[in-house]
């Protein structure tokens, strides 16, 4: 792995239970670096499950601790009930009580502002959608309006996937609603224009939560010819989210000249964000993902030439 530059930042995608694959990969990175990730990175941006991991890094948790947290909490958080099967009749499928208790325990009730002190200034950017004001929020420890916000509340807001978890404070939902399921652009912008880091002195690591292998993402030819309105929901949502995620990476790659940007993604089988039965398989993917990071095997989908009109 190429060494990091003077400043190092990390951006973490959303993906529900697939976050355990990322924490497992980060274990390998932490071992290779010989330090806690919170002592290596100065900026962490996260959306949804990525916000949980980003907050853990900001709180100086070890990657292995976060992996254990996912393994322990997943069966409790995604416990099946009538809501799971009749979700279309309820406001959400799963209560977030267990996640809230764990976040409170790990953060010890700290607010966002507690991360930005004279002793240690760590920039944690958590992405959430404000449904009340119809805009995306970027919770940051140095912004006066968010300094009193509990870290737990910020993470719960970002992780409140629609239909899966309850809306937070009557207004906040999953940060992946919109263009920021992959928050790498926000991390690059934060580093350059808010923290004032020079791109030539900055490394930005961006981690996805898995995608289908090449050639398997699309629908069979003519399959949509007779789709009903309900059948259109899944492909439309998938197209929107996958295109938005790739777009964020390309924006960073093309606009932040000189930045050491490394986008890592791994091909996986289709795994739902609440499929607890696949945790073991995700751990296996995570071990492979970690080796990809250590050998700088970046996302090949970004390694394409950019053509400009002459």
Protein backbone atom coordinates (compact mmCIF):
# COMPACT_ATOMS: atom_id res chain seq x y z
CA UNK A 1 0.00 0.00 0.00
CA UNK A 2 1.23 3.46 -0.88
CA UNK A 3 1.87 5.58 2.21
CA UNK A 4 -0.68 8.22 3.16
CA UNK A 5 0.11 11.89 2.71
CA UNK A 6 0.33 14.55 5.42
CA UNK A 7 -3.47 14.64 5.85
CA UNK A 8 -5.68 11.56 5.65
CA UNK A 9 -9.47 11.35 5.35
CA UNK A 10 -11.92 8.48 4.95
CA UNK A 11 -15.41 8.33 3.43
CA UNK A 12 -17.79 5.45 4.12
CA UNK A 13 -20.87 4.47 2.10
CA UNK A 14 -24.26 3.39 3.38
CA UNK A 15 -25.40 -0.23 3.18
CA UNK A 16 -26.99 -1.51 6.38
CA UNK A 17 -25.62 -4.80 7.66
CA UNK A 18 -23.01 -4.71 4.88
CA UNK A 19 -21.12 -2.26 7.09
CA UNK A 20 -19.64 -5.26 8.92
CA UNK A 21 -17.73 -6.10 5.75
CA UNK A 22 -16.14 -2.66 5.88
CA UNK A 23 -15.18 -2.84 9.56
CA UNK A 24 -13.58 -6.24 8.91
CA UNK A 25 -11.59 -4.74 6.03
CA UNK A 26 -10.56 -1.84 8.26
CA UNK A 27 -9.15 -4.30 10.78
CA UNK A 28 -6.51 -5.27 8.21
CA UNK A 29 -5.76 -1.62 7.47
CA UNK A 30 -5.41 -0.82 11.17
CA UNK A 31 -3.01 -3.71 11.70
CA UNK A 32 -0.93 -2.65 8.69
CA UNK A 33 -0.74 0.94 9.91
CA UNK A 34 0.06 -0.10 13.48
CA UNK A 35 -2.29 2.57 14.86
CA UNK A 36 -5.94 3.10 15.63
CA UNK A 37 -7.73 4.60 12.66
CA UNK A 38 -8.69 7.58 14.81
CA UNK A 39 -5.00 8.36 15.18
CA UNK A 40 -4.41 8.13 11.43
CA UNK A 41 -7.40 9.94 9.94
CA UNK A 42 -8.31 13.52 10.84
CA UNK A 43 -11.57 13.53 8.91
CA UNK A 44 -14.25 10.85 8.55
CA UNK A 45 -17.44 11.26 6.51
CA UNK A 46 -20.21 8.69 6.61
CA UNK A 47 -23.73 8.02 5.39
CA UNK A 48 -26.15 5.59 7.06
CA UNK A 49 -24.16 2.54 8.20
CA UNK A 50 -21.08 4.50 7.13
CA UNK A 51 -21.97 7.13 9.73
CA UNK A 52 -21.80 4.45 12.44
CA UNK A 53 -18.29 3.50 11.33
CA UNK A 54 -17.19 7.12 10.85
CA UNK A 55 -18.39 7.97 14.36
CA UNK A 56 -16.54 4.94 15.72
CA UNK A 57 -13.32 6.16 14.10
CA UNK A 58 -13.90 9.66 15.49
CA UNK A 59 -14.39 8.14 18.96
CA UNK A 60 -11.13 6.22 18.53
CA UNK A 61 -12.68 2.76 18.61
CA UNK A 62 -10.67 -0.06 17.12
CA UNK A 63 -11.98 -1.61 13.92
CA UNK A 64 -12.25 -4.99 15.65
CA UNK A 65 -14.49 -3.42 18.30
CA UNK A 66 -16.80 -2.15 15.57
CA UNK A 67 -16.90 -5.56 13.89
CA UNK A 68 -17.91 -7.14 17.19
CA UNK A 69 -20.56 -4.46 17.66
CA UNK A 70 -22.11 -5.30 14.28
CA UNK A 71 -22.02 -9.03 15.00
CA UNK A 72 -23.58 -8.60 18.43
CA UNK A 73 -26.15 -5.97 17.60
CA UNK A 74 -27.35 -7.10 14.18
CA UNK A 75 -29.62 -9.93 15.46
CA UNK A 76 -31.10 -7.57 18.05
CA UNK A 77 -31.61 -4.62 15.72
CA UNK A 78 -33.01 -6.66 12.82
CA UNK A 79 -35.19 -8.92 14.96
CA UNK A 80 -38.21 -10.12 13.02
CA UNK A 81 -41.67 -9.08 14.20
CA UNK A 82 -45.07 -8.33 12.73
CA UNK A 83 -43.60 -5.05 11.50
CA UNK A 84 -41.10 -6.90 9.34
CA UNK A 85 -43.73 -8.84 7.47
CA UNK A 86 -46.47 -6.19 7.40
CA UNK A 87 -44.13 -3.23 6.95
CA UNK A 88 -46.45 -1.62 4.43
CA UNK A 89 -48.99 -1.22 7.27
CA UNK A 90 -46.49 0.23 9.75
CA UNK A 91 -44.27 3.31 9.90
CA UNK A 92 -41.10 1.22 10.01
CA UNK A 93 -39.87 -2.39 10.21
CA UNK A 94 -37.43 -2.19 13.12
CA UNK A 95 -37.24 -0.04 16.26
CA UNK A 96 -33.86 1.62 16.85
CA UNK A 97 -33.72 1.25 20.65
CA UNK A 98 -30.83 -1.24 20.66
CA UNK A 99 -28.77 0.85 18.26
CA UNK A 100 -29.45 3.99 20.30
CA UNK A 101 -28.32 2.28 23.52
CA UNK A 102 -25.12 1.04 21.90
CA UNK A 103 -24.32 4.43 20.38
CA UNK A 104 -24.91 6.12 23.75
CA UNK A 105 -22.58 3.63 25.42
CA UNK A 106 -19.82 4.08 22.85
CA UNK A 107 -20.09 7.87 22.69
CA UNK A 108 -20.69 8.24 26.44
CA UNK A 109 -23.26 10.88 25.62
CA UNK A 110 -20.77 13.14 23.82
CA UNK A 111 -21.98 15.86 21.49
CA UNK A 112 -20.55 16.62 18.07
CA UNK A 113 -18.71 19.62 19.53
CA UNK A 114 -16.80 17.35 21.92
CA UNK A 115 -14.83 16.07 18.92
CA UNK A 116 -13.46 19.55 18.19
CA UNK A 117 -11.35 20.65 21.13
CA UNK A 118 -7.94 22.18 21.70
CA UNK A 119 -6.58 18.75 22.64
CA UNK A 120 -7.89 16.96 19.53
CA UNK A 121 -9.70 18.35 16.53
CA UNK A 122 -11.40 15.54 14.64
CA UNK A 123 -13.76 16.44 11.82
CA UNK A 124 -16.71 14.04 11.65
CA UNK A 125 -19.16 14.70 8.82
CA UNK A 126 -22.45 12.83 9.12
CA UNK A 127 -24.94 13.03 6.25
CA UNK A 128 -28.71 13.05 6.89
CA UNK A 129 -31.77 14.13 4.95
CA UNK A 130 -33.91 16.85 6.54
CA UNK A 131 -37.41 16.06 5.28
CA UNK A 132 -38.88 19.12 7.01
CA UNK A 133 -36.67 21.57 5.12
CA UNK A 134 -36.26 19.33 2.05
CA UNK A 135 -32.46 19.49 2.08
CA UNK A 136 -29.48 17.38 2.99
CA UNK A 137 -27.77 18.15 6.30
CA UNK A 138 -24.07 17.72 6.98
CA UNK A 139 -23.58 17.50 10.73
CA UNK A 140 -20.07 18.71 11.67
CA UNK A 141 -18.39 19.25 15.06
CA UNK A 142 -16.96 22.69 14.24
CA UNK A 143 -20.24 24.25 13.08
CA UNK A 144 -21.91 26.18 15.95
CA UNK A 145 -25.40 24.98 15.01
CA UNK A 146 -24.42 21.32 15.51
CA UNK A 147 -21.99 21.46 18.43
CA UNK A 148 -24.69 20.63 21.00
CA UNK A 149 -26.12 17.80 18.88
CA UNK A 150 -25.51 14.37 20.47
CA UNK A 151 -23.39 12.11 18.28
CA UNK A 152 -26.03 9.42 18.84
CA UNK A 153 -28.76 11.61 17.36
CA UNK A 154 -26.66 12.51 14.33
CA UNK A 155 -25.89 8.85 13.59
CA UNK A 156 -29.48 7.69 14.15
CA UNK A 157 -30.63 10.39 11.73
CA UNK A 158 -28.19 9.30 9.03
CA UNK A 159 -29.04 5.60 9.52
CA UNK A 160 -32.83 6.00 9.47
CA UNK A 161 -33.40 4.11 6.22
CA UNK A 162 -36.98 4.77 5.03
CA UNK A 163 -39.44 1.99 5.93
CA UNK A 164 -36.70 0.24 7.94
CA UNK A 165 -36.19 2.62 10.89
CA UNK A 166 -38.22 5.47 12.39
CA UNK A 167 -37.70 9.06 11.35
CA UNK A 168 -35.60 11.01 13.89
CA UNK A 169 -37.02 14.09 15.61
CA UNK A 170 -39.88 14.14 13.15
CA UNK A 171 -37.64 15.30 10.30
CA UNK A 172 -34.39 13.38 9.75
CA UNK A 173 -34.01 10.32 7.55
CA UNK A 174 -31.26 8.32 5.86
CA UNK A 175 -28.47 10.43 4.36
CA UNK A 176 -28.52 8.16 1.32
CA UNK A 177 -31.79 9.74 0.17
CA UNK A 178 -30.36 11.88 -2.58
CA UNK A 179 -26.85 11.96 -3.97
CA UNK A 180 -24.76 11.20 -0.91
CA UNK A 181 -25.02 7.46 -0.25
CA UNK A 182 -21.35 7.67 -1.22
CA UNK A 183 -20.03 10.70 0.72
CA UNK A 184 -16.60 10.95 -0.90
CA UNK A 185 -17.33 14.30 -2.59
CA UNK A 186 -18.41 15.79 0.73
CA UNK A 187 -15.19 14.52 2.31
CA UNK A 188 -13.07 15.99 -0.50
CA UNK A 189 -14.90 19.31 -0.30
CA UNK A 190 -14.57 19.39 3.48
CA UNK A 191 -10.84 18.70 3.32
CA UNK A 192 -10.11 21.27 0.63
CA UNK A 193 -12.47 24.15 1.33
CA UNK A 194 -13.37 23.84 5.03
CA UNK A 195 -10.14 22.50 6.55
CA UNK A 196 -7.89 24.12 3.96
CA UNK A 197 -5.88 21.00 3.15
CA UNK A 198 -3.88 21.15 -0.06
CA UNK A 199 -4.81 18.27 -2.41
CA UNK A 200 -1.13 17.47 -2.95
CA UNK A 201 -0.85 16.86 0.80
CA UNK A 202 -4.07 14.86 1.18
CA UNK A 203 -5.09 11.21 0.90
CA UNK A 204 -8.80 10.36 0.73
CA UNK A 205 -9.86 6.74 1.13
CA UNK A 206 -13.41 5.92 -0.02
CA UNK A 207 -15.00 2.58 0.84
CA UNK A 208 -18.10 1.10 -0.78
CA UNK A 209 -20.28 -1.61 0.71
CA UNK A 210 -20.29 -3.99 -2.23
CA UNK A 211 -21.87 -4.19 -5.67
CA UNK A 212 -22.95 -6.97 -7.99
CA UNK A 213 -20.30 -8.47 -10.29
CA UNK A 214 -19.96 -6.99 -13.81
CA UNK A 215 -22.58 -8.32 -16.21
CA UNK A 216 -25.09 -9.19 -13.47
CA UNK A 217 -26.40 -5.75 -12.50
CA UNK A 218 -28.87 -5.21 -15.32
CA UNK A 219 -32.27 -6.69 -16.10
CA UNK A 220 -32.74 -9.37 -18.76
CA UNK A 221 -33.54 -7.97 -22.19
CA UNK A 222 -37.28 -7.22 -22.55
CA UNK A 223 -37.93 -8.03 -18.87
CA UNK A 224 -39.32 -4.52 -18.19
CA UNK A 225 -41.63 -4.56 -21.24
CA UNK A 226 -44.68 -5.40 -19.17
CA UNK A 227 -43.67 -4.21 -15.71
CA UNK A 228 -46.44 -3.07 -13.41
CA UNK A 229 -45.97 0.21 -11.46
CA UNK A 230 -44.91 -1.72 -8.34
CA UNK A 231 -42.29 -3.69 -10.29
CA UNK A 232 -40.71 -0.45 -11.49
CA UNK A 233 -39.88 0.73 -7.96
CA UNK A 234 -36.84 -1.52 -7.40
CA UNK A 235 -35.01 -0.85 -10.72
CA UNK A 236 -35.70 2.89 -10.51
CA UNK A 237 -34.36 3.09 -6.96
CA UNK A 238 -31.34 0.93 -7.84
CA UNK A 239 -30.53 3.06 -10.90
CA UNK A 240 -30.78 6.27 -8.92
CA UNK A 241 -28.60 5.12 -6.03
CA UNK A 242 -25.92 3.31 -8.05
CA UNK A 243 -25.57 6.16 -10.55
CA UNK A 244 -25.37 8.72 -7.74
CA UNK A 245 -22.67 6.71 -5.96
CA UNK A 246 -20.50 6.34 -9.04
CA UNK A 247 -21.03 9.99 -9.87
CA UNK A 248 -19.63 11.13 -6.52
CA UNK A 249 -16.43 9.18 -7.11
CA UNK A 250 -16.00 10.54 -10.62
CA UNK A 251 -16.53 14.11 -9.46
CA UNK A 252 -13.76 13.74 -6.90
CA UNK A 253 -11.48 12.02 -9.39
CA UNK A 254 -11.94 14.70 -12.05
CA UNK A 255 -12.29 17.93 -10.06
CA UNK A 256 -9.83 17.58 -7.18
CA UNK A 257 -6.62 17.61 -9.16
CA UNK A 258 -3.61 16.37 -7.23
CA UNK A 259 -5.64 14.64 -4.52
CA UNK A 260 -4.54 11.11 -3.64
CA UNK A 261 -8.02 9.63 -4.05
CA UNK A 262 -8.48 5.89 -3.64
CA UNK A 263 -11.95 4.44 -4.16
CA UNK A 264 -12.31 0.82 -3.08
CA UNK A 265 -15.25 -1.39 -3.97
CA UNK A 266 -15.81 -5.14 -3.97
CA UNK A 267 -18.13 -7.38 -5.97
CA UNK A 268 -20.51 -9.40 -3.80
CA UNK A 269 -23.61 -11.51 -4.06
CA UNK A 270 -26.85 -9.56 -3.56
CA UNK A 271 -27.30 -9.11 0.21
CA UNK A 272 -30.17 -7.11 1.67
CA UNK A 273 -29.30 -4.42 4.19
CA UNK A 274 -31.13 -6.35 6.96
CA UNK A 275 -30.06 -9.92 6.08
CA UNK A 276 -28.47 -10.94 9.38
CA UNK A 277 -28.01 -14.51 8.17
CA UNK A 278 -25.29 -13.28 5.80
CA UNK A 279 -23.00 -11.78 8.46
CA UNK A 280 -20.59 -14.71 8.19
CA UNK A 281 -20.40 -14.32 4.41
CA UNK A 282 -19.89 -10.57 4.81
CA UNK A 283 -16.98 -11.21 7.17
CA UNK A 284 -15.40 -13.36 4.45
CA UNK A 285 -15.91 -10.57 1.92
CA UNK A 286 -14.41 -8.15 4.43
CA UNK A 287 -11.21 -10.18 4.73
CA UNK A 288 -10.84 -10.10 0.94
CA UNK A 289 -11.76 -6.41 0.86
CA UNK A 290 -9.05 -5.65 3.41
CA UNK A 291 -6.42 -7.26 1.22
CA UNK A 292 -7.67 -5.25 -1.75
CA UNK A 293 -7.16 -2.06 0.25
CA UNK A 294 -3.69 -3.06 1.37
CA UNK A 295 -2.67 -3.82 -2.21
CA UNK A 296 -4.29 -0.62 -3.56
CA UNK A 297 -6.73 -2.49 -5.80
CA UNK A 298 -8.99 0.48 -6.47
CA UNK A 299 -12.39 0.30 -8.18
CA UNK A 300 -11.70 -0.65 -11.84
CA UNK A 301 -14.92 1.06 -12.94
CA UNK A 302 -13.21 4.41 -12.31
CA UNK A 303 -10.12 3.55 -14.33
CA UNK A 304 -11.56 4.70 -17.65
CA UNK A 305 -10.36 7.55 -19.86
CA UNK A 306 -12.16 10.89 -19.76
CA UNK A 307 -13.01 12.24 -23.23
CA UNK A 308 -13.41 15.95 -23.85
CA UNK A 309 -14.75 17.72 -26.87
CA UNK A 310 -12.04 19.23 -29.07
